[in-house]
């Protein structure tokens, strides 16, 4: 028996014991904190993403290709990692070389890629978290960990939920889930923050919907982004 199997066995036995005379103990935690409209939920997501130092942009579906093209150009990227299932029209406005997600790509090859563009599985407003599940439009986990610049597209409102419990209901626990709250960052004992140690140094999130937002028009960054 492996260490993993032993640990999971202990978890299962512990959960089996969480019962009273009427059956399993009821989980009474809140599914979400407060009542919000769809627009307010999306605004909260943008605010919390920006608070985690992600760069947040809003655009319509028709503006998406131009927005991605602009972000890649502003970054100065000459190549873009592309998941196999990413809609090709999303990259129609960029001249950067497309590097296909491949099992044979080495870490050194991925390190030379300027940017990666992916979709997501779900986004959590209350925690400012983007979740990837390795779907066709997201690709292998490593293409979102090695390149230094990640552009992630979130479809609004269908991929936005308020809380973690709501997100878990949409996710398959058997898939390789990556939970992203802002760019990769860590700090040493002196609390000096260092970004890009175990993931992208820059995370840009594009919230794309059918309607033009009230603010952040033309794909400009919105939210309280901190430098």
Protein backbone atom coordinates (compact mmCIF):
# COMPACT_ATOMS: atom_id res chain seq x y z
CA UNK A 1 0.00 0.00 0.00
CA UNK A 2 1.35 3.42 -0.97
CA UNK A 3 1.49 6.45 1.33
CA UNK A 4 -1.26 8.05 -0.72
CA UNK A 5 -3.57 5.06 -0.23
CA UNK A 6 -2.89 5.00 3.51
CA UNK A 7 -3.70 8.70 3.87
CA UNK A 8 -6.89 8.46 1.81
CA UNK A 9 -7.92 5.41 3.81
CA UNK A 10 -7.57 7.36 7.04
CA UNK A 11 -9.65 10.21 5.60
CA UNK A 12 -12.43 7.81 4.54
CA UNK A 13 -12.50 6.15 7.97
CA UNK A 14 -12.64 9.55 9.67
CA UNK A 15 -15.53 10.68 7.49
CA UNK A 16 -17.42 7.45 8.04
CA UNK A 17 -17.36 8.19 11.76
CA UNK A 18 -18.92 11.65 11.45
CA UNK A 19 -22.46 10.59 12.27
CA UNK A 20 -25.05 10.91 14.99
CA UNK A 21 -28.07 8.73 15.81
CA UNK A 22 -30.02 10.25 12.90
CA UNK A 23 -27.34 9.66 10.29
CA UNK A 24 -24.58 11.84 8.81
CA UNK A 25 -23.98 15.16 10.53
CA UNK A 26 -25.55 18.01 8.60
CA UNK A 27 -23.11 20.55 7.14
CA UNK A 28 -24.50 23.94 8.14
CA UNK A 29 -21.88 26.23 6.65
CA UNK A 30 -23.02 28.97 4.28
CA UNK A 31 -22.99 28.18 0.58
CA UNK A 32 -22.33 31.85 -0.16
CA UNK A 33 -21.92 35.01 1.88
CA UNK A 34 -24.68 37.49 1.13
CA UNK A 35 -27.13 37.85 -1.74
CA UNK A 36 -25.73 39.35 -4.95
CA UNK A 37 -26.99 39.87 -8.47
CA UNK A 38 -25.10 38.35 -11.39
CA UNK A 39 -23.50 41.71 -12.17
CA UNK A 40 -22.47 42.20 -8.52
CA UNK A 41 -20.95 38.71 -8.44
CA UNK A 42 -18.87 39.43 -11.54
CA UNK A 43 -17.79 42.78 -10.08
CA UNK A 44 -16.71 41.02 -6.88
CA UNK A 45 -14.67 38.54 -8.91
CA UNK A 46 -12.91 41.39 -10.73
CA UNK A 47 -12.23 43.22 -7.46
CA UNK A 48 -10.76 40.17 -5.72
CA UNK A 49 -8.69 39.14 -8.75
CA UNK A 50 -7.19 42.63 -8.84
CA UNK A 51 -6.60 42.53 -5.09
CA UNK A 52 -4.46 39.43 -5.71
CA UNK A 53 -2.46 41.48 -8.28
CA UNK A 54 -3.98 39.87 -11.34
CA UNK A 55 -4.63 42.27 -14.23
CA UNK A 56 -8.33 42.22 -15.07
CA UNK A 57 -9.83 43.15 -18.44
CA UNK A 58 -13.41 43.17 -19.70
CA UNK A 59 -14.60 42.90 -23.27
CA UNK A 60 -17.37 41.53 -25.46
CA UNK A 61 -17.06 38.33 -27.48
CA UNK A 62 -16.45 40.38 -30.64
CA UNK A 63 -13.58 42.22 -28.92
CA UNK A 64 -11.89 39.14 -27.46
CA UNK A 65 -9.41 38.44 -30.26
CA UNK A 66 -8.30 42.07 -30.36
CA UNK A 67 -7.96 42.16 -26.57
CA UNK A 68 -5.80 39.02 -26.50
CA UNK A 69 -3.74 40.32 -29.42
CA UNK A 70 -3.12 43.58 -27.59
CA UNK A 71 -2.07 41.85 -24.37
CA UNK A 72 0.35 39.56 -26.19
CA UNK A 73 1.82 42.54 -28.11
CA UNK A 74 2.16 44.68 -24.97
CA UNK A 75 4.00 41.81 -23.32
CA UNK A 76 6.34 41.59 -26.32
CA UNK A 77 5.81 37.84 -26.62
CA UNK A 78 7.05 36.21 -29.80
CA UNK A 79 5.40 32.87 -29.03
CA UNK A 80 2.19 31.71 -27.37
CA UNK A 81 1.44 28.28 -25.89
CA UNK A 82 -1.91 27.08 -27.21
CA UNK A 83 -4.07 24.26 -25.76
CA UNK A 84 -5.42 21.88 -28.40
CA UNK A 85 -9.05 22.86 -27.80
CA UNK A 86 -8.62 26.65 -27.61
CA UNK A 87 -10.94 28.36 -30.12
CA UNK A 88 -8.63 29.43 -32.98
CA UNK A 89 -10.47 32.73 -33.44
CA UNK A 90 -9.24 33.86 -30.01
CA UNK A 91 -5.71 34.22 -31.42
CA UNK A 92 -6.70 35.66 -34.78
CA UNK A 93 -5.28 39.10 -33.91
CA UNK A 94 -1.80 38.02 -32.79
CA UNK A 95 1.21 37.41 -35.00
CA UNK A 96 3.10 35.49 -32.31
CA UNK A 97 4.17 31.93 -33.10
CA UNK A 98 1.67 29.35 -31.87
CA UNK A 99 3.30 26.62 -29.78
CA UNK A 100 0.98 23.62 -29.52
CA UNK A 101 0.50 21.97 -26.14
CA UNK A 102 2.47 18.74 -26.48
CA UNK A 103 3.40 15.92 -24.11
CA UNK A 104 6.88 16.03 -25.60
CA UNK A 105 7.58 19.66 -24.69
CA UNK A 106 10.45 20.01 -22.23
CA UNK A 107 10.53 22.54 -19.37
CA UNK A 108 13.33 24.41 -21.17
CA UNK A 109 11.21 24.69 -24.33
CA UNK A 110 8.21 25.95 -22.35
CA UNK A 111 10.42 28.42 -20.51
CA UNK A 112 11.20 30.09 -23.84
CA UNK A 113 7.49 30.61 -24.58
CA UNK A 114 6.45 34.22 -24.02
CA UNK A 115 2.79 33.75 -23.09
CA UNK A 116 0.10 31.12 -22.67
CA UNK A 117 -3.59 31.65 -23.44
CA UNK A 118 -6.21 29.38 -21.87
CA UNK A 119 -9.86 29.23 -20.91
CA UNK A 120 -10.91 28.05 -17.43
CA UNK A 121 -13.35 25.63 -15.81
CA UNK A 122 -14.88 28.04 -13.28
CA UNK A 123 -14.12 31.28 -11.43
CA UNK A 124 -14.95 31.95 -7.76
CA UNK A 125 -15.97 35.51 -6.94
CA UNK A 126 -15.64 35.43 -3.15
CA UNK A 127 -12.04 34.22 -3.25
CA UNK A 128 -10.87 35.70 -6.56
CA UNK A 129 -9.90 32.22 -7.74
CA UNK A 130 -9.63 30.77 -11.23
CA UNK A 131 -9.89 26.97 -11.50
CA UNK A 132 -8.43 24.96 -14.39
CA UNK A 133 -9.31 21.29 -14.85
CA UNK A 134 -7.08 20.35 -17.77
CA UNK A 135 -9.92 20.54 -20.29
CA UNK A 136 -9.22 20.81 -24.04
CA UNK A 137 -9.26 24.63 -23.96
CA UNK A 138 -6.92 24.70 -20.93
CA UNK A 139 -4.31 22.09 -21.76
CA UNK A 140 -1.76 20.38 -19.58
CA UNK A 141 -1.07 21.90 -16.18
CA UNK A 142 2.58 22.62 -16.97
CA UNK A 143 1.83 25.07 -19.79
CA UNK A 144 0.19 27.33 -17.19
CA UNK A 145 3.08 26.94 -14.71
CA UNK A 146 6.25 27.39 -16.75
CA UNK A 147 5.65 30.37 -19.11
CA UNK A 148 5.94 33.71 -17.31
CA UNK A 149 2.74 35.28 -18.67
CA UNK A 150 -0.72 33.67 -18.46
CA UNK A 151 -3.79 35.11 -20.18
CA UNK A 152 -6.91 33.34 -18.88
CA UNK A 153 -10.34 33.88 -20.44
CA UNK A 154 -13.43 33.61 -18.23
CA UNK A 155 -16.85 33.44 -19.91
CA UNK A 156 -19.27 35.74 -18.09
CA UNK A 157 -21.61 34.98 -16.46
CA UNK A 158 -21.82 31.23 -17.10
CA UNK A 159 -18.40 30.37 -15.64
CA UNK A 160 -18.64 32.65 -12.58
CA UNK A 161 -19.94 31.41 -9.22
CA UNK A 162 -20.06 33.11 -5.85
CA UNK A 163 -18.41 30.55 -3.59
CA UNK A 164 -16.09 27.58 -3.32
CA UNK A 165 -18.95 25.12 -2.51
CA UNK A 166 -20.71 26.19 -5.71
CA UNK A 167 -17.49 25.73 -7.67
CA UNK A 168 -16.94 22.25 -6.27
CA UNK A 169 -20.38 21.19 -7.50
CA UNK A 170 -19.25 21.96 -11.06
CA UNK A 171 -15.86 20.27 -10.88
CA UNK A 172 -14.86 16.65 -11.33
CA UNK A 173 -12.55 15.69 -8.42
CA UNK A 174 -10.91 13.05 -10.62
CA UNK A 175 -9.55 15.71 -12.98
CA UNK A 176 -6.24 17.58 -12.42
CA UNK A 177 -7.53 20.74 -10.75
CA UNK A 178 -5.36 23.85 -10.53
CA UNK A 179 -6.64 26.64 -8.25
CA UNK A 180 -5.16 30.04 -9.08
CA UNK A 181 -5.54 33.10 -6.86
CA UNK A 182 -3.38 35.74 -8.51
CA UNK A 183 0.13 35.39 -9.97
CA UNK A 184 2.58 32.94 -8.43
CA UNK A 185 4.13 34.50 -5.32
CA UNK A 186 6.02 33.57 -2.20
CA UNK A 187 7.97 35.37 0.52
CA UNK A 188 11.01 34.63 2.64
CA UNK A 189 11.41 34.97 6.40
CA UNK A 190 11.89 38.73 5.98
CA UNK A 191 8.50 38.85 4.16
CA UNK A 192 10.11 40.00 0.90
CA UNK A 193 7.60 39.06 -1.79
CA UNK A 194 8.95 37.27 -4.87
CA UNK A 195 6.69 36.56 -7.85
CA UNK A 196 7.07 33.90 -10.52
CA UNK A 197 8.87 31.27 -8.42
CA UNK A 198 6.46 28.40 -9.05
CA UNK A 199 4.19 29.76 -11.77
CA UNK A 200 3.58 32.78 -14.01
CA UNK A 201 4.85 36.13 -12.78
CA UNK A 202 1.97 37.90 -14.55
CA UNK A 203 -1.66 36.73 -14.65
CA UNK A 204 -4.11 38.57 -16.90
CA UNK A 205 -7.77 37.60 -16.69
CA UNK A 206 -10.16 38.53 -19.49
CA UNK A 207 -13.83 38.58 -18.49
CA UNK A 208 -15.71 38.16 -21.75
CA UNK A 209 -19.46 38.55 -22.09
CA UNK A 210 -22.10 39.46 -24.64
CA UNK A 211 -22.74 42.91 -23.22
CA UNK A 212 -20.29 45.79 -23.11
CA UNK A 213 -19.42 46.49 -19.45
CA UNK A 214 -20.19 49.83 -17.87
CA UNK A 215 -16.47 50.33 -17.16
CA UNK A 216 -13.26 49.05 -18.63
CA UNK A 217 -14.48 49.42 -22.23
CA UNK A 218 -12.29 48.43 -25.16
CA UNK A 219 -10.60 45.74 -23.09
CA UNK A 220 -8.86 48.11 -20.69
CA UNK A 221 -7.84 46.87 -17.26
CA UNK A 222 -10.41 47.33 -14.52
CA UNK A 223 -10.51 46.87 -10.77
CA UNK A 224 -8.19 48.11 -8.07
CA UNK A 225 -5.03 46.65 -9.56
CA UNK A 226 -2.02 47.21 -7.35
CA UNK A 227 1.46 47.68 -8.75
